Structure formats: C-alpha cells, structure tokens
Amino acid sequence: MHRTSEEFPYRVCTYLTQKQSWTVWTTSAHIITAVIGSGVLSLAWAIGQLGWIAGPAVLFLFSFVTYYTSTLLAACYRDPVTGKRNYTYTEAVQSNLGQGLWVYSVSQPRRSGRWVTIAASMSMTAIKRSNCFHESGGKNRCRVSSNPYMIIFGVAEIIFSQIKDFDQISWLSFVAAFMSFTYSTVGLALGIAKVAETGKVRGSLTGISIGTVTQSQKIWRSFQALGDIAFAYSYSLVLIEIQDTIKSPPSESKTMKAATLISVTVTTIFYMLCGCMGYAAFGDTAWTPPHRIWLL
C-alpha cells in the first residue's frame, strides 16, 4: 500500500526520525546478517560443480553484481521528484518506475517466500536423510520426500504471520544472525579440520567430471550452482528498509553505498572460505550425507 505523510500520526513520525540513527558500520553489520543465511550451506557443492577456476570466479562476479545493483537501488531511496522517503522495496519501485512495474515488484516477496520455503524443506529433508543414513550404516539410499516438510514449514509461517508486529521483535534478528554464523562457522571449521586431517586439497579445475555424472547432469548442475551462488547474495528486498535506518547527513545513499562495499567484501571473503574449504575438504563428494551425526 502506498503511504503518504497524512497517514502517519505525530508519534509514528517521531519514531521514524528517532530510529534513523545508524552509521556506516552499524549498517554494514545489518547487511552482513541479512545476506549470510541458508545460501552459504550450498556453496561447497556449487563450487564443486564449477571447479577451482569457475567457482571462485563466479563468486567474485556475483559479489560485483550485488554491489553494483545495490548502489543503484540505494539511489532510489528517495523519490526523484519530491525527495520523499521510500520505506520499502515496492515503494521505491513505484516512485521510480511507475505503477506498472510496481505490480510486478509486489510479486517479488512472494517468489522469495517460495524460495525460502523450498530451502527450509530441503534442509529438513537433509536432516531426515542424514539420520537415516547414520542409522542404516550407509546401506539404505534413504529417499525422503520434501513435500511434508514444505507443508509443515508453510503452516508454521501462516501461524507466525498472525502475531501482531511480529516483524518488529528485535531479538529475532539477533537469534537469526547467531544461528547463521553458527552453522556457517561449524561448516568452515569442519572443512579446515578435514583438510588438516588428510593433508590433501581435493577437487579439480573444472569440477565434477562427466562420467561421474552425465553431460546433461553436468550442464544442469552448473546452472543450478550459478543459481545457488546468486541466491546466497540476495538481499535487495530488505535493502531499502535497512537504508531507512541511516542517519543523515551525509546522505543516506552515500552511507549505504559505503556500507554495501564493506559488507559485500566481508561476505565474499566469508563465502570464499566456506565454499572453498568445503570443496577442498570433500571434493566432488561435498554433497554426500555427513558421517558426523553431531552436525545435525
């Protein structure tokens, strides 16, 4: 819904003014916690499909694409004619590109919601398969459908969405950030420990070879790897809302561009470590269910 200044009572306007107090460093921290999420879990597999040459190169490519497009979006925070603030991604699209593309932008959060639901169900399926794999000693193929978990996660989303001002519960952000960094760090530590244990750096220059998989599987997996890496960098939907917390002067756009450069750089280094160490540790078998049950 498009909001005008007349719709806000004085106390809300005062709150908005007070909350815009973030600096380039606090904004960078917020962006990093927003970007680093479930996408990091598939980076080792993605690099395994592309290999030691294309894998890191694609990571750097998407880091540049993310930085460049984020700076363009940051410039859309204020209306180009009136200078009015845009509080959400959809409002920024409407004020800069018009009503037609606004209708399209409204569907973007829905698509992102579907991606998250699929990712969550796949994670729960992976836990179920890993448990099965551990219990059977690797003798059972452990085929598990993700449909029940997708339904469970969807129902949970519907229930939590009924809680009033659920998005304003600040401690949830800290919990989410802690969880993201915890499982990312566990994965990174596991990769380092495995390389130190074997003394070998696994993998190949071109990734998983044809023969291990068919040619069509190789092509499909390569495109899937590109999508996984792109998904790991996605945060455009919350960029405008993060920018709305920045104090000025200097301009919100200038601060946001500096914060984006810092956060994308830090995120890329972290992603490079997680993805490359995972591939170095396990090679083309990076997607194999873990034998370490404590990882669950």
C-alpha atoms as a PDB file:
ATOM      1  CA  MET A   1       0.000   0.000   0.000  1.00  0.00           C
ATOM      2  CA  HIS A   2       1.295   3.458  -0.906  1.00  0.00           C
ATOM      3  CA  ARG A   3       1.643   5.637   2.203  1.00  0.00           C
ATOM      4  CA  THR A   4       1.501   9.407   2.455  1.00  0.00           C
ATOM      5  CA  SER A   5       2.579  11.709   5.264  1.00  0.00           C
ATOM      6  CA  GLU A   6      -1.072  12.337   6.228  1.00  0.00           C
ATOM      7  CA  GLU A   7      -1.453   8.679   7.199  1.00  0.00           C
ATOM      8  CA  PHE A   8       1.156   8.883   9.953  1.00  0.00           C
ATOM      9  CA  PRO A   9       0.280  10.330  13.350  1.00  0.00           C
ATOM     10  CA  TYR A  10       2.871  12.530  15.029  1.00  0.00           C
ATOM     11  CA  ARG A  11       4.149   9.767  17.322  1.00  0.00           C
ATOM     12  CA  VAL A  12       4.942   7.488  14.364  1.00  0.00           C
ATOM     13  CA  CYS A  13       6.752  10.286  12.528  1.00  0.00           C
ATOM     14  CA  THR A  14       8.747  10.952  15.676  1.00  0.00           C
ATOM     15  CA  TYR A  15       9.619   7.266  15.926  1.00  0.00           C
ATOM     16  CA  LEU A  16      10.817   7.191  12.325  1.00  0.00           C
ATOM     17  CA  THR A  17      13.032  10.206  12.971  1.00  0.00           C
ATOM     18  CA  GLN A  18      14.484   8.669  16.109  1.00  0.00           C
ATOM     19  CA  LYS A  19      15.193   5.289  14.563  1.00  0.00           C
ATOM     20  CA  GLN A  20      17.246   6.806  11.710  1.00  0.00           C
ATOM     21  CA  SER A  21      20.474   6.856  13.684  1.00  0.00           C
ATOM     22  CA  TRP A  22      22.627   4.151  12.117  1.00  0.00           C
ATOM     23  CA  THR A  23      26.130   4.790  10.816  1.00  0.00           C
ATOM     24  CA  VAL A  24      28.089   3.108   8.032  1.00  0.00           C
ATOM     25  CA  TRP A  25      29.416   0.471  10.461  1.00  0.00           C
ATOM     26  CA  THR A  26      26.095  -0.474  12.055  1.00  0.00           C
ATOM     27  CA  THR A  27      24.521  -0.555   8.602  1.00  0.00           C
ATOM     28  CA  SER A  28      27.310  -2.828   7.353  1.00  0.00           C
ATOM     29  CA  ALA A  29      26.700  -5.200  10.255  1.00  0.00           C
ATOM     30  CA  HIS A  30      22.971  -5.270   9.496  1.00  0.00           C
ATOM     31  CA  ILE A  31      23.588  -6.027   5.814  1.00  0.00           C
ATOM     32  CA  ILE A  32      26.005  -8.848   6.648  1.00  0.00           C
ATOM     33  CA  THR A  33      23.491 -10.507   8.974  1.00  0.00           C
ATOM     34  CA  ALA A  34      20.790 -10.093   6.308  1.00  0.00           C
ATOM     35  CA  VAL A  35      22.892 -11.579   3.498  1.00  0.00           C
ATOM     36  CA  ILE A  36      24.561 -14.515   5.251  1.00  0.00           C
ATOM     37  CA  GLY A  37      21.858 -17.133   5.579  1.00  0.00           C
ATOM     38  CA  SER A  38      20.915 -20.537   4.272  1.00  0.00           C
ATOM     39  CA  GLY A  39      22.603 -19.807   0.930  1.00  0.00           C
ATOM     40  CA  VAL A  40      26.020 -20.426   2.467  1.00  0.00           C
ATOM     41  CA  LEU A  41      25.171 -24.095   3.011  1.00  0.00           C
ATOM     42  CA  SER A  42      25.269 -24.947  -0.698  1.00  0.00           C
ATOM     43  CA  LEU A  43      28.425 -23.020  -1.641  1.00  0.00           C
ATOM     44  CA  ALA A  44      30.782 -26.006  -1.307  1.00  0.00           C
ATOM     45  CA  TRP A  45      28.512 -28.042  -3.571  1.00  0.00           C
ATOM     46  CA  ALA A  46      28.196 -25.141  -6.034  1.00  0.00           C
ATOM     47  CA  ILE A  47      31.963 -24.724  -6.300  1.00  0.00           C
ATOM     48  CA  GLY A  48      32.207 -28.499  -6.676  1.00  0.00           C
ATOM     49  CA  GLN A  49      30.087 -28.313  -9.824  1.00  0.00           C
ATOM     50  CA  LEU A  50      32.089 -25.445 -11.328  1.00  0.00           C
ATOM     51  CA  GLY A  51      35.609 -26.326 -10.183  1.00  0.00           C
ATOM     52  CA  TRP A  52      38.532 -24.371  -8.797  1.00  0.00           C
ATOM     53  CA  ILE A  53      38.617 -21.921 -11.716  1.00  0.00           C
ATOM     54  CA  ALA A  54      34.979 -21.074 -12.423  1.00  0.00           C
ATOM     55  CA  GLY A  55      33.756 -21.494  -8.826  1.00  0.00           C
ATOM     56  CA  PRO A  56      35.712 -18.661  -7.156  1.00  0.00           C
ATOM     57  CA  ALA A  57      35.388 -16.576 -10.350  1.00  0.00           C
ATOM     58  CA  VAL A  58      31.584 -16.798 -10.208  1.00  0.00           C
ATOM     59  CA  LEU A  59      31.644 -15.871  -6.517  1.00  0.00           C
ATOM     60  CA  PHE A  60      33.620 -12.727  -7.340  1.00  0.00           C
ATOM     61  CA  LEU A  61      31.334 -11.998 -10.301  1.00  0.00           C
ATOM     62  CA  PHE A  62      28.176 -12.115  -8.210  1.00  0.00           C
ATOM     63  CA  SER A  63      29.801 -10.059  -5.465  1.00  0.00           C
ATOM     64  CA  PHE A  64      30.421  -7.309  -8.027  1.00  0.00           C
ATOM     65  CA  VAL A  65      26.906  -7.653  -9.466  1.00  0.00           C
ATOM     66  CA  THR A  66      25.439  -7.457  -5.959  1.00  0.00           C
ATOM     67  CA  TYR A  67      27.478  -4.372  -5.091  1.00  0.00           C
ATOM     68  CA  TYR A  68      26.674  -2.589  -8.359  1.00  0.00           C
ATOM     69  CA  THR A  69      22.927  -3.289  -8.308  1.00  0.00           C
ATOM     70  CA  SER A  70      22.748  -2.416  -4.599  1.00  0.00           C
ATOM     71  CA  THR A  71      24.278   1.007  -5.237  1.00  0.00           C
ATOM     72  CA  LEU A  72      21.699   1.579  -7.976  1.00  0.00           C
ATOM     73  CA  LEU A  73      18.884   0.582  -5.617  1.00  0.00           C
ATOM     74  CA  ALA A  74      20.309   2.749  -2.828  1.00  0.00           C
ATOM     75  CA  ALA A  75      19.977   5.768  -5.129  1.00  0.00           C
ATOM     76  CA  CYS A  76      16.236   5.036  -5.344  1.00  0.00           C
ATOM     77  CA  TYR A  77      15.623   5.515  -1.615  1.00  0.00           C
ATOM     78  CA  ARG A  78      14.157   8.982  -2.130  1.00  0.00           C
ATOM     79  CA  ASP A  79      11.572   9.950  -4.724  1.00  0.00           C
ATOM     80  CA  PRO A  80      13.418  11.526  -7.697  1.00  0.00           C
ATOM     81  CA  VAL A  81      10.910  14.410  -7.876  1.00  0.00           C
ATOM     82  CA  THR A  82       9.636  15.123  -4.355  1.00  0.00           C
ATOM     83  CA  GLY A  83      12.531  13.729  -2.315  1.00  0.00           C
ATOM     84  CA  LYS A  84      10.075  11.727  -0.191  1.00  0.00           C
ATOM     85  CA  ARG A  85      11.485   8.680   1.570  1.00  0.00           C
ATOM     86  CA  ASN A  86      10.549   5.230   0.288  1.00  0.00           C
ATOM     87  CA  TYR A  87      10.159   2.830   3.191  1.00  0.00           C
ATOM     88  CA  THR A  88      10.073  -0.454   1.255  1.00  0.00           C
ATOM     89  CA  TYR A  89      11.386  -2.027  -1.948  1.00  0.00           C
ATOM     90  CA  THR A  90       7.953  -1.905  -3.583  1.00  0.00           C
ATOM     91  CA  GLU A  91       7.534   1.798  -2.775  1.00  0.00           C
ATOM     92  CA  ALA A  92      10.929   2.533  -4.329  1.00  0.00           C
ATOM     93  CA  VAL A  93       9.873   0.698  -7.493  1.00  0.00           C
ATOM     94  CA  GLN A  94       6.580   2.581  -7.640  1.00  0.00           C
ATOM     95  CA  SER A  95       8.068   6.048  -7.184  1.00  0.00           C
ATOM     96  CA  ASN A  96      10.924   5.499  -9.649  1.00  0.00           C
ATOM     97  CA  LEU A  97       9.468   3.165 -12.286  1.00  0.00           C
ATOM     98  CA  GLY A  98       5.725   3.717 -12.072  1.00  0.00           C
ATOM     99  CA  GLN A  99       2.605   1.743 -11.246  1.00  0.00           C
ATOM    100  CA  GLY A 100       3.083  -0.894 -13.961  1.00  0.00           C
ATOM    101  CA  LEU A 101       6.355  -2.275 -12.631  1.00  0.00           C
ATOM    102  CA  TRP A 102       5.116  -1.798  -9.060  1.00  0.00           C
ATOM    103  CA  VAL A 103       2.555  -4.533  -9.716  1.00  0.00           C
ATOM    104  CA  TYR A 104       5.397  -6.824 -10.791  1.00  0.00           C
ATOM    105  CA  SER A 105       7.546  -5.904  -7.776  1.00  0.00           C
ATOM    106  CA  VAL A 106       4.759  -6.873  -5.372  1.00  0.00           C
ATOM    107  CA  SER A 107       5.139 -10.474  -6.552  1.00  0.00           C
ATOM    108  CA  GLN A 108       8.873 -10.496  -5.760  1.00  0.00           C
ATOM    109  CA  PRO A 109       8.456 -11.064  -1.989  1.00  0.00           C
ATOM    110  CA  ARG A 110       6.108 -13.952  -2.782  1.00  0.00           C
ATOM    111  CA  ARG A 111       8.721 -15.576  -5.003  1.00  0.00           C
ATOM    112  CA  SER A 112      11.352 -15.088  -2.313  1.00  0.00           C
ATOM    113  CA  GLY A 113       8.981 -16.662   0.182  1.00  0.00           C
ATOM    114  CA  ARG A 114       8.669 -19.724  -2.033  1.00  0.00           C
ATOM    115  CA  TRP A 115      12.463 -19.972  -2.328  1.00  0.00           C
ATOM    116  CA  VAL A 116      12.850 -19.834   1.449  1.00  0.00           C
ATOM    117  CA  THR A 117      10.128 -22.455   1.913  1.00  0.00           C
ATOM    118  CA  ILE A 118      11.840 -24.777  -0.567  1.00  0.00           C
ATOM    119  CA  ALA A 119      15.239 -24.205   1.081  1.00  0.00           C
ATOM    120  CA  ALA A 120      13.784 -24.894   4.537  1.00  0.00           C
ATOM    121  CA  SER A 121      12.089 -28.105   3.407  1.00  0.00           C
ATOM    122  CA  MET A 122      15.295 -29.289   1.727  1.00  0.00           C
ATOM    123  CA  SER A 123      17.227 -28.633   4.945  1.00  0.00           C
ATOM    124  CA  MET A 124      14.731 -30.653   6.976  1.00  0.00           C
ATOM    125  CA  THR A 125      14.847 -33.412   4.366  1.00  0.00           C
ATOM    126  CA  ALA A 126      18.651 -33.431   4.600  1.00  0.00           C
ATOM    127  CA  ILE A 127      18.423 -33.927   8.366  1.00  0.00           C
ATOM    128  CA  LYS A 128      15.997 -36.821   7.895  1.00  0.00           C
ATOM    129  CA  ARG A 129      18.223 -38.434   5.248  1.00  0.00           C
ATOM    130  CA  SER A 130      21.333 -37.968   7.381  1.00  0.00           C
ATOM    131  CA  ASN A 131      19.634 -39.620  10.351  1.00  0.00           C
ATOM    132  CA  CYS A 132      18.524 -42.497   8.125  1.00  0.00           C
ATOM    133  CA  PHE A 133      21.994 -42.779   6.613  1.00  0.00           C
ATOM    134  CA  HIS A 134      23.563 -42.918  10.067  1.00  0.00           C
ATOM    135  CA  GLU A 135      21.106 -45.493  11.415  1.00  0.00           C
ATOM    136  CA  SER A 136      21.463 -47.808   8.401  1.00  0.00           C
ATOM    137  CA  GLY A 137      25.228 -47.506   8.265  1.00  0.00           C
ATOM    138  CA  GLY A 138      25.062 -46.271   4.703  1.00  0.00           C
ATOM    139  CA  LYS A 139      23.212 -49.341   3.415  1.00  0.00           C
ATOM    140  CA  ASN A 140      19.892 -47.554   2.811  1.00  0.00           C
ATOM    141  CA  ARG A 141      19.531 -44.994  -0.009  1.00  0.00           C
ATOM    142  CA  CYS A 142      17.148 -43.099   2.289  1.00  0.00           C
ATOM    143  CA  ARG A 143      14.853 -41.449  -0.232  1.00  0.00           C
ATOM    144  CA  VAL A 144      12.799 -38.808   1.576  1.00  0.00           C
ATOM    145  CA  SER A 145      10.055 -36.610   0.122  1.00  0.00           C
ATOM    146  CA  SER A 146      10.299 -32.898   0.898  1.00  0.00           C
ATOM    147  CA  ASN A 147       6.539 -32.310   0.481  1.00  0.00           C
ATOM    148  CA  PRO A 148       5.516 -32.967   4.128  1.00  0.00           C
ATOM    149  CA  TYR A 149       8.254 -30.658   5.403  1.00  0.00           C
ATOM    150  CA  MET A 150       7.265 -27.977   2.909  1.00  0.00           C
ATOM    151  CA  ILE A 151       3.690 -28.135   4.200  1.00  0.00           C
ATOM    152  CA  ILE A 152       4.833 -28.048   7.839  1.00  0.00           C
ATOM    153  CA  PHE A 153       7.026 -25.011   7.221  1.00  0.00           C
ATOM    154  CA  GLY A 154       4.248 -23.258   5.290  1.00  0.00           C
ATOM    155  CA  VAL A 155       1.747 -23.843   8.099  1.00  0.00           C
ATOM    156  CA  ALA A 156       4.283 -22.525  10.624  1.00  0.00           C
ATOM    157  CA  GLU A 157       4.726 -19.379   8.500  1.00  0.00           C
ATOM    158  CA  ILE A 158       0.959 -18.825   8.421  1.00  0.00           C
ATOM    159  CA  ILE A 159       0.707 -19.203  12.204  1.00  0.00           C
ATOM    160  CA  PHE A 160       3.612 -16.850  12.972  1.00  0.00           C
ATOM    161  CA  SER A 161       2.349 -14.279  10.469  1.00  0.00           C
ATOM    162  CA  GLN A 162      -0.779 -13.846  12.608  1.00  0.00           C
ATOM    163  CA  ILE A 163       1.271 -12.487  15.513  1.00  0.00           C
ATOM    164  CA  LYS A 164       0.842  -8.726  15.676  1.00  0.00           C
ATOM    165  CA  ASP A 165       4.013  -6.717  14.888  1.00  0.00           C
ATOM    166  CA  PHE A 166       5.985  -9.943  14.579  1.00  0.00           C
ATOM    167  CA  ASP A 167       8.441  -8.179  12.260  1.00  0.00           C
ATOM    168  CA  GLN A 168       9.168  -5.627  14.992  1.00  0.00           C
ATOM    169  CA  ILE A 169      10.507  -8.181  17.506  1.00  0.00           C
ATOM    170  CA  SER A 170      14.133  -7.066  17.604  1.00  0.00           C
ATOM    171  CA  TRP A 171      15.609 -10.126  19.339  1.00  0.00           C
ATOM    172  CA  LEU A 172      14.584 -12.333  16.410  1.00  0.00           C
ATOM    173  CA  SER A 173      17.215 -10.613  14.274  1.00  0.00           C
ATOM    174  CA  PHE A 174      19.903 -11.432  16.827  1.00  0.00           C
ATOM    175  CA  VAL A 175      18.757 -15.065  17.016  1.00  0.00           C
ATOM    176  CA  ALA A 176      18.760 -15.363  13.216  1.00  0.00           C
ATOM    177  CA  ALA A 177      22.210 -13.777  12.953  1.00  0.00           C
ATOM    178  CA  PHE A 178      23.596 -16.046  15.681  1.00  0.00           C
ATOM    179  CA  MET A 179      22.189 -19.160  14.000  1.00  0.00           C
ATOM    180  CA  SER A 180      23.526 -18.156  10.571  1.00  0.00           C
ATOM    181  CA  PHE A 181      27.037 -17.540  11.837  1.00  0.00           C
ATOM    182  CA  THR A 182      26.944 -20.673  13.999  1.00  0.00           C
ATOM    183  CA  TYR A 183      26.171 -23.178  11.251  1.00  0.00           C
ATOM    184  CA  SER A 184      28.414 -21.314   8.813  1.00  0.00           C
ATOM    185  CA  THR A 185      31.313 -21.424  11.273  1.00  0.00           C
ATOM    186  CA  VAL A 186      30.694 -25.120  12.012  1.00  0.00           C
ATOM    187  CA  GLY A 187      30.860 -25.881   8.290  1.00  0.00           C
ATOM    188  CA  LEU A 188      34.024 -23.824   7.875  1.00  0.00           C
ATOM    189  CA  ALA A 189      35.673 -25.457  10.899  1.00  0.00           C
ATOM    190  CA  LEU A 190      34.747 -28.915   9.595  1.00  0.00           C
ATOM    191  CA  GLY A 191      36.378 -28.146   6.244  1.00  0.00           C
ATOM    192  CA  ILE A 192      39.556 -26.860   7.867  1.00  0.00           C
ATOM    193  CA  ALA A 193      39.720 -29.862  10.203  1.00  0.00           C
ATOM    194  CA  LYS A 194      39.237 -32.302   7.319  1.00  0.00           C
ATOM    195  CA  VAL A 195      41.996 -30.702   5.222  1.00  0.00           C
ATOM    196  CA  ALA A 196      44.314 -30.694   8.241  1.00  0.00           C
ATOM    197  CA  GLU A 197      43.489 -34.352   8.934  1.00  0.00           C
ATOM    198  CA  THR A 198      44.101 -35.647   5.408  1.00  0.00           C
ATOM    199  CA  GLY A 199      46.728 -33.121   4.342  1.00  0.00           C
ATOM    200  CA  LYS A 200      45.100 -33.052   0.909  1.00  0.00           C
ATOM    201  CA  VAL A 201      43.251 -30.421  -1.098  1.00  0.00           C
ATOM    202  CA  ARG A 202      40.588 -32.230  -3.092  1.00  0.00           C
ATOM    203  CA  GLY A 203      38.680 -31.118  -6.157  1.00  0.00           C
ATOM    204  CA  SER A 204      39.553 -30.374  -9.761  1.00  0.00           C
ATOM    205  CA  LEU A 205      39.915 -27.348 -12.014  1.00  0.00           C
ATOM    206  CA  THR A 206      36.654 -27.994 -13.858  1.00  0.00           C
ATOM    207  CA  GLY A 207      34.532 -29.516 -11.097  1.00  0.00           C
ATOM    208  CA  ILE A 208      32.728 -32.814 -11.089  1.00  0.00           C
ATOM    209  CA  SER A 209      33.644 -34.729 -14.227  1.00  0.00           C
ATOM    210  CA  ILE A 210      31.481 -36.159 -16.983  1.00  0.00           C
ATOM    211  CA  GLY A 211      31.462 -39.859 -16.281  1.00  0.00           C
ATOM    212  CA  THR A 212      30.731 -39.349 -12.619  1.00  0.00           C
ATOM    213  CA  VAL A 213      27.614 -37.586 -13.928  1.00  0.00           C
ATOM    214  CA  THR A 214      26.154 -37.457 -17.423  1.00  0.00           C
ATOM    215  CA  GLN A 215      26.726 -34.497 -19.730  1.00  0.00           C
ATOM    216  CA  SER A 216      23.169 -33.239 -19.250  1.00  0.00           C
ATOM    217  CA  GLN A 217      23.538 -33.552 -15.460  1.00  0.00           C
ATOM    218  CA  LYS A 218      26.801 -31.609 -15.624  1.00  0.00           C
ATOM    219  CA  ILE A 219      25.106 -28.769 -17.533  1.00  0.00           C
ATOM    220  CA  TRP A 220      22.070 -28.756 -15.258  1.00  0.00           C
ATOM    221  CA  ARG A 221      24.176 -28.813 -12.095  1.00  0.00           C
ATOM    222  CA  SER A 222      26.341 -25.959 -13.388  1.00  0.00           C
ATOM    223  CA  PHE A 223      23.281 -23.767 -13.903  1.00  0.00           C
ATOM    224  CA  GLN A 224      21.956 -24.803 -10.500  1.00  0.00           C
ATOM    225  CA  ALA A 225      25.300 -23.827  -8.970  1.00  0.00           C
ATOM    226  CA  LEU A 226      25.031 -20.381 -10.564  1.00  0.00           C
ATOM    227  CA  GLY A 227      21.566 -20.001  -9.055  1.00  0.00           C
ATOM    228  CA  ASP A 228      22.750 -21.131  -5.620  1.00  0.00           C
ATOM    229  CA  ILE A 229      25.568 -18.581  -5.591  1.00  0.00           C
ATOM    230  CA  ALA A 230      23.258 -15.794  -6.779  1.00  0.00           C
ATOM    231  CA  PHE A 231      20.718 -16.737  -4.087  1.00  0.00           C
ATOM    232  CA  ALA A 232      23.434 -16.559  -1.414  1.00  0.00           C
ATOM    233  CA  TYR A 233      23.994 -12.859  -2.183  1.00  0.00           C
ATOM    234  CA  SER A 234      20.346 -11.804  -2.370  1.00  0.00           C
ATOM    235  CA  TYR A 235      19.157  -9.033  -0.057  1.00  0.00           C
ATOM    236  CA  SER A 236      17.542  -6.462  -2.362  1.00  0.00           C
ATOM    237  CA  LEU A 237      14.118  -6.835  -0.741  1.00  0.00           C
ATOM    238  CA  VAL A 238      15.367  -5.515   2.610  1.00  0.00           C
ATOM    239  CA  LEU A 239      17.932  -3.007   1.320  1.00  0.00           C
ATOM    240  CA  ILE A 240      15.547  -0.042   1.351  1.00  0.00           C
ATOM    241  CA  GLU A 241      14.301  -0.917   4.838  1.00  0.00           C
ATOM    242  CA  ILE A 242      17.885  -1.084   6.098  1.00  0.00           C
ATOM    243  CA  GLN A 243      18.644   2.235   4.414  1.00  0.00           C
ATOM    244  CA  ASP A 244      15.660   3.768   6.207  1.00  0.00           C
ATOM    245  CA  THR A 245      17.566   3.390   9.499  1.00  0.00           C
ATOM    246  CA  ILE A 246      20.535   5.518   8.378  1.00  0.00           C
ATOM    247  CA  LYS A 247      21.047   8.978   9.817  1.00  0.00           C
ATOM    248  CA  SER A 248      21.831  11.966   7.616  1.00  0.00           C
ATOM    249  CA  PRO A 249      23.879  13.982   6.789  1.00  0.00           C
ATOM    250  CA  PRO A 250      25.751  12.620   4.885  1.00  0.00           C
ATOM    251  CA  SER A 251      23.056  11.426   2.509  1.00  0.00           C
ATOM    252  CA  GLU A 252      21.533   8.003   3.106  1.00  0.00           C
ATOM    253  CA  SER A 253      22.610   6.951  -0.375  1.00  0.00           C
ATOM    254  CA  LYS A 254      26.264   7.797   0.263  1.00  0.00           C
ATOM    255  CA  THR A 255      26.328   5.944   3.579  1.00  0.00           C
ATOM    256  CA  MET A 256      24.515   2.960   2.091  1.00  0.00           C
ATOM    257  CA  LYS A 257      26.972   2.669  -0.794  1.00  0.00           C
ATOM    258  CA  ALA A 258      29.921   2.677   1.613  1.00  0.00           C
ATOM    259  CA  ALA A 259      28.212   0.127   3.876  1.00  0.00           C
ATOM    260  CA  THR A 260      27.406  -2.055   0.873  1.00  0.00           C
ATOM    261  CA  LEU A 261      31.056  -2.092  -0.220  1.00  0.00           C
ATOM    262  CA  ILE A 262      32.200  -3.118   3.264  1.00  0.00           C
ATOM    263  CA  SER A 263      29.517  -5.771   3.763  1.00  0.00           C
ATOM    264  CA  VAL A 264      29.831  -7.330   0.296  1.00  0.00           C
ATOM    265  CA  THR A 265      33.613  -7.525   0.743  1.00  0.00           C
ATOM    266  CA  VAL A 266      33.317  -9.214   4.150  1.00  0.00           C
ATOM    267  CA  THR A 267      30.582 -11.547   2.905  1.00  0.00           C
ATOM    268  CA  THR A 268      32.603 -12.551  -0.171  1.00  0.00           C
ATOM    269  CA  ILE A 269      35.656 -13.382   1.948  1.00  0.00           C
ATOM    270  CA  PHE A 270      33.489 -15.459   4.285  1.00  0.00           C
ATOM    271  CA  TYR A 271      31.741 -17.197   1.378  1.00  0.00           C
ATOM    272  CA  MET A 272      35.072 -17.896  -0.284  1.00  0.00           C
ATOM    273  CA  LEU A 273      36.373 -19.510   2.903  1.00  0.00           C
ATOM    274  CA  CYS A 274      33.243 -21.619   3.470  1.00  0.00           C
ATOM    275  CA  GLY A 275      32.825 -22.700  -0.148  1.00  0.00           C
ATOM    276  CA  CYS A 276      36.464 -23.333  -0.976  1.00  0.00           C
ATOM    277  CA  MET A 277      37.321 -25.067   2.298  1.00  0.00           C
ATOM    278  CA  GLY A 278      34.272 -27.305   1.950  1.00  0.00           C
ATOM    279  CA  TYR A 279      35.258 -28.266  -1.595  1.00  0.00           C
ATOM    280  CA  ALA A 280      38.922 -28.690  -0.628  1.00  0.00           C
ATOM    281  CA  ALA A 281      37.907 -30.992   2.215  1.00  0.00           C
ATOM    282  CA  PHE A 282      35.380 -33.212   0.455  1.00  0.00           C
ATOM    283  CA  GLY A 283      35.938 -32.635  -3.254  1.00  0.00           C
ATOM    284  CA  ASP A 284      33.233 -33.843  -5.610  1.00  0.00           C
ATOM    285  CA  THR A 285      31.524 -35.672  -2.715  1.00  0.00           C
ATOM    286  CA  ALA A 286      30.727 -32.404  -0.920  1.00  0.00           C
ATOM    287  CA  TRP A 287      27.011 -33.239  -1.140  1.00  0.00           C
ATOM    288  CA  THR A 288      27.410 -36.680   0.471  1.00  0.00           C
ATOM    289  CA  PRO A 289      25.436 -37.067   3.751  1.00  0.00           C
ATOM    290  CA  PRO A 290      27.802 -36.404   6.698  1.00  0.00           C
ATOM    291  CA  HIS A 291      29.068 -39.256   8.817  1.00  0.00           C
ATOM    292  CA  ARG A 292      29.329 -36.888  11.786  1.00  0.00           C
ATOM    293  CA  ILE A 293      25.910 -37.200  13.389  1.00  0.00           C
ATOM    294  CA  TRP A 294      26.659 -34.295  15.751  1.00  0.00           C
ATOM    295  CA  LEU A 295      26.444 -31.944  12.779  1.00  0.00           C
ATOM    296  CA  LEU A 296      22.679 -32.425  12.806  1.00  0.00           C
END
